[in-house]
Amino acid sequence: MKIDRNNLQEHLLTHQLSIVGKTIEDAKKQKDWFQKWTFTEEQHNQFKDYAIPLIQKTLKCSKSHAIKSFQWFDLGFGLRLNHEDIQNHQPSE
């Protein structure tokens, strides 16, 4: 399937879910999937590294515009970061 402006958002959501081993069909079956499924920081960075160049290429925009578009997508549809994982990676004092 060719990725274009019309299906970019769905593609990003599908890719994001695949990183955590889920599908859109799984999300449709689980009412509160957005609250339960989380990313590790590493998974989020992996998704971001994939999404920004794709957004830039698909929308034919600058990198800074692609980053802003990614941030809006992430705010609206991005999986939450697993806070336990973040706390475990904090530097010790």
Protein backbone atom coordinates (compact mmCIF):
# COMPACT_ATOMS: atom_id res chain seq x y z
CA MET A 1 0.00 0.00 0.00
CA LYS A 2 1.36 3.39 -1.01
CA ILE A 3 1.52 5.83 1.90
CA ASP A 4 0.03 9.22 1.13
CA ARG A 5 -1.62 12.15 2.93
CA ASN A 6 -4.91 10.24 3.14
CA ASN A 7 -3.58 7.17 4.94
CA LEU A 8 -0.46 8.48 6.73
CA GLN A 9 -2.16 8.73 10.11
CA GLU A 10 -3.57 5.20 9.91
CA HIS A 11 -0.19 3.88 8.77
CA LEU A 12 1.58 5.55 11.71
CA LEU A 13 -0.94 4.17 14.16
CA THR A 14 -0.60 0.68 12.68
CA HIS A 15 3.20 0.88 12.83
CA GLN A 16 3.15 2.19 16.39
CA LEU A 17 0.92 -0.64 17.54
CA SER A 18 3.06 -3.22 15.76
CA ILE A 19 6.06 -2.13 17.84
CA VAL A 20 4.22 -3.30 20.97
CA GLY A 21 2.86 -6.42 19.27
CA LYS A 22 -0.68 -5.13 18.73
CA THR A 23 -2.94 -4.36 15.76
CA ILE A 24 -5.76 -1.96 15.03
CA GLU A 25 -8.10 -4.95 15.30
CA ASP A 26 -6.77 -5.59 18.82
CA ALA A 27 -7.46 -1.94 19.68
CA LYS A 28 -11.03 -2.22 18.39
CA LYS A 29 -11.60 -5.23 20.67
CA GLN A 30 -10.10 -3.57 23.77
CA LYS A 31 -12.20 -0.63 24.93
CA ASP A 32 -9.50 1.03 27.03
CA TRP A 33 -6.43 0.11 24.96
CA PHE A 34 -5.13 3.67 25.07
CA GLN A 35 -4.91 3.52 28.86
CA LYS A 36 -3.40 0.04 29.09
CA TRP A 37 -0.83 -0.22 26.31
CA THR A 38 2.43 1.64 26.76
CA PHE A 39 5.78 2.20 25.10
CA THR A 40 9.21 1.98 26.59
CA GLU A 41 11.33 5.03 25.95
CA GLU A 42 13.41 2.97 23.51
CA GLN A 43 10.28 1.91 21.59
CA HIS A 44 9.06 5.49 21.46
CA ASN A 45 12.41 6.65 20.07
CA GLN A 46 12.31 3.84 17.51
CA PHE A 47 8.85 4.96 16.41
CA LYS A 48 9.88 8.62 16.29
CA ASP A 49 12.96 7.78 14.19
CA TYR A 50 10.68 5.95 11.75
CA ALA A 51 7.84 8.49 11.70
CA ILE A 52 9.59 11.83 11.22
CA PRO A 53 11.37 10.99 7.94
CA LEU A 54 8.18 9.32 6.67
CA ILE A 55 6.11 12.40 7.51
CA GLN A 56 8.71 14.64 5.86
CA LYS A 57 8.72 12.55 2.68
CA THR A 58 4.94 12.06 2.52
CA LEU A 59 3.99 15.67 3.23
CA LYS A 60 6.98 17.06 1.32
CA CYS A 61 7.83 19.36 4.20
CA SER A 62 10.84 20.51 6.19
CA LYS A 63 12.21 18.43 9.04
CA SER A 64 11.03 20.99 11.60
CA HIS A 65 7.48 20.81 10.21
CA ALA A 66 7.65 16.99 10.25
CA ILE A 67 8.75 17.07 13.90
CA LYS A 68 5.80 19.32 14.79
CA SER A 69 3.43 17.06 12.87
CA PHE A 70 4.83 14.05 14.72
CA GLN A 71 4.36 15.81 18.05
CA TRP A 72 0.70 16.49 17.22
CA PHE A 73 0.21 12.86 16.19
CA ASP A 74 1.97 11.65 19.32
CA LEU A 75 -0.15 13.91 21.51
CA GLY A 76 -3.40 12.68 20.00
CA PHE A 77 -2.66 9.05 19.18
CA GLY A 78 0.68 8.16 20.71
CA LEU A 79 0.98 5.43 23.28
CA ARG A 80 1.94 6.62 26.74
CA LEU A 81 5.45 6.02 27.98
CA ASN A 82 5.80 3.34 30.63
CA HIS A 83 6.70 5.44 33.68
CA GLU A 84 8.09 2.45 35.55
CA ASP A 85 10.58 1.93 32.73
CA ILE A 86 11.54 5.62 32.84
CA GLN A 87 12.05 5.55 36.62
CA ASN A 88 14.28 2.47 36.32
CA HIS A 89 16.55 4.33 33.90
CA GLN A 90 16.97 7.51 35.99
CA PRO A 91 20.60 8.20 36.98
CA SER A 92 21.36 7.54 40.64
CA GLU A 93 22.31 10.43 42.83
